[in-house]
Amino acid sequence: MSSEAPVPVPRTAVPLGIDDPVEHARAELKAALAAIEEKANVPRRVSRAVDEGVEKARAFQRRNPAAAAVAVVVGAAAIGAAVWGLVRLYTR
C-alpha cells in the first residue's frame, strides 16, 4: 500500500520531476544558496547544537537524577579550580 501524500523536500535539495530546464536551474540555485546559508550561519548552528545538548542533559537528568547532581557538583568544582588556578597564576 503506497501513500500518495507528498514527501516534504528539504530546502537544500532539488525536487524531482522538474522538466523545464530553466525551472530546474532555478531550483538548483535555490538549493545551493540554501546549503551555503546553512553552512555559513554559525550562530544558528551553535544555537541548534546548544539546544540538542540541553535536551540530552535533560534526558540524562530524568533517567538518572543522582548522577546528574554529581556531574553538576564535579563540573562546578572543576570550573572553580580552573578560575582559582588562573587567578593564582595572574597574581604571581
Protein backbone atom coordinates (compact mmCIF):
# COMPACT_ATOMS: atom_id res chain seq x y z
CA MET A 1 0.00 0.00 0.00
CA SER A 2 1.62 3.25 -1.11
CA SER A 3 0.71 6.65 0.12
CA GLU A 4 0.17 9.43 -2.37
CA ALA A 5 0.94 12.11 0.21
CA PRO A 6 3.74 14.41 -0.94
CA VAL A 7 7.06 13.98 0.79
CA PRO A 8 8.49 17.27 2.06
CA VAL A 9 11.67 18.27 0.26
CA PRO A 10 14.47 19.79 2.36
CA ARG A 11 15.49 23.34 1.50
CA THR A 12 18.88 22.09 0.34
CA ALA A 13 17.51 19.52 -2.12
CA VAL A 14 16.26 19.84 -5.69
CA PRO A 15 12.77 18.39 -6.15
CA LEU A 16 12.36 15.61 -8.68
CA GLY A 17 10.16 15.87 -11.74
CA ILE A 18 11.09 19.35 -12.96
CA ASP A 19 11.06 19.15 -16.76
CA ASP A 20 11.72 22.78 -17.64
CA PRO A 21 15.49 23.39 -17.74
CA VAL A 22 15.10 26.99 -16.51
CA GLU A 23 12.96 25.92 -13.55
CA HIS A 24 15.43 23.11 -12.82
CA ALA A 25 18.35 25.58 -12.85
CA ARG A 26 16.44 27.91 -10.54
CA ALA A 27 15.69 25.05 -8.17
CA GLU A 28 19.37 24.02 -8.17
CA LEU A 29 20.46 27.60 -7.48
CA LYS A 30 17.91 27.95 -4.68
CA ALA A 31 19.09 24.66 -3.12
CA ALA A 32 22.76 25.65 -3.44
CA LEU A 33 22.14 29.03 -1.80
CA ALA A 34 20.18 27.37 1.00
CA ALA A 35 23.03 24.90 1.56
CA ILE A 36 25.57 27.74 1.68
CA GLU A 37 23.38 29.64 4.13
CA GLU A 38 23.07 26.55 6.34
CA LYS A 39 26.86 26.12 6.43
CA ALA A 40 27.70 29.80 6.86
CA ASN A 41 25.14 30.67 9.55
CA VAL A 42 27.32 29.85 12.55
CA PRO A 43 25.02 31.39 15.20
CA ARG A 44 22.13 29.19 14.06
CA ARG A 45 24.35 26.10 14.05
CA VAL A 46 25.62 26.90 17.55
CA SER A 47 22.07 27.50 18.74
CA ARG A 48 20.96 24.13 17.38
CA ALA A 49 23.94 22.38 18.99
CA VAL A 50 23.22 24.05 22.34
CA ASP A 51 19.54 23.09 22.12
CA GLU A 52 20.49 19.47 21.39
CA GLY A 53 22.95 19.46 24.30
CA VAL A 54 20.30 20.85 26.65
CA GLU A 55 17.83 18.18 25.53
CA LYS A 56 20.43 15.44 26.11
CA ALA A 57 21.25 16.83 29.56
CA ARG A 58 17.56 16.99 30.49
CA ALA A 59 17.01 13.44 29.30
CA PHE A 60 20.04 12.28 31.31
CA GLN A 61 18.74 14.14 34.37
CA ARG A 62 15.34 12.45 34.04
CA ARG A 63 16.93 9.00 33.70
CA ASN A 64 19.49 9.38 36.47
CA PRO A 65 18.97 12.38 38.77
CA ALA A 66 21.68 11.37 41.27
CA ALA A 67 24.38 11.11 38.59
CA ALA A 68 23.23 14.44 37.12
CA ALA A 69 23.61 16.10 40.52
CA VAL A 70 27.10 14.62 40.92
CA ALA A 71 28.01 15.83 37.42
CA VAL A 72 26.90 19.37 38.28
CA VAL A 73 28.92 19.40 41.51
CA VAL A 74 32.02 18.00 39.78
CA GLY A 75 31.66 20.49 36.93
CA ALA A 76 31.30 23.42 39.33
CA ALA A 77 34.35 22.25 41.29
CA ALA A 78 36.39 21.93 38.09
CA ILE A 79 35.41 25.43 36.94
CA GLY A 80 36.16 26.83 40.39
CA ALA A 81 39.57 25.16 40.45
CA ALA A 82 40.38 26.45 36.97
CA VAL A 83 39.43 30.02 37.89
CA TRP A 84 41.39 29.79 41.14
CA GLY A 85 44.42 28.50 39.25
CA LEU A 86 44.24 31.24 36.63
CA VAL A 87 43.91 33.96 39.29
CA ARG A 88 46.81 32.49 41.21
CA LEU A 89 48.98 32.44 38.07
CA TYR A 90 48.00 36.03 37.24
CA THR A 91 48.74 37.39 40.72
CA ARG A 92 52.23 35.85 40.96
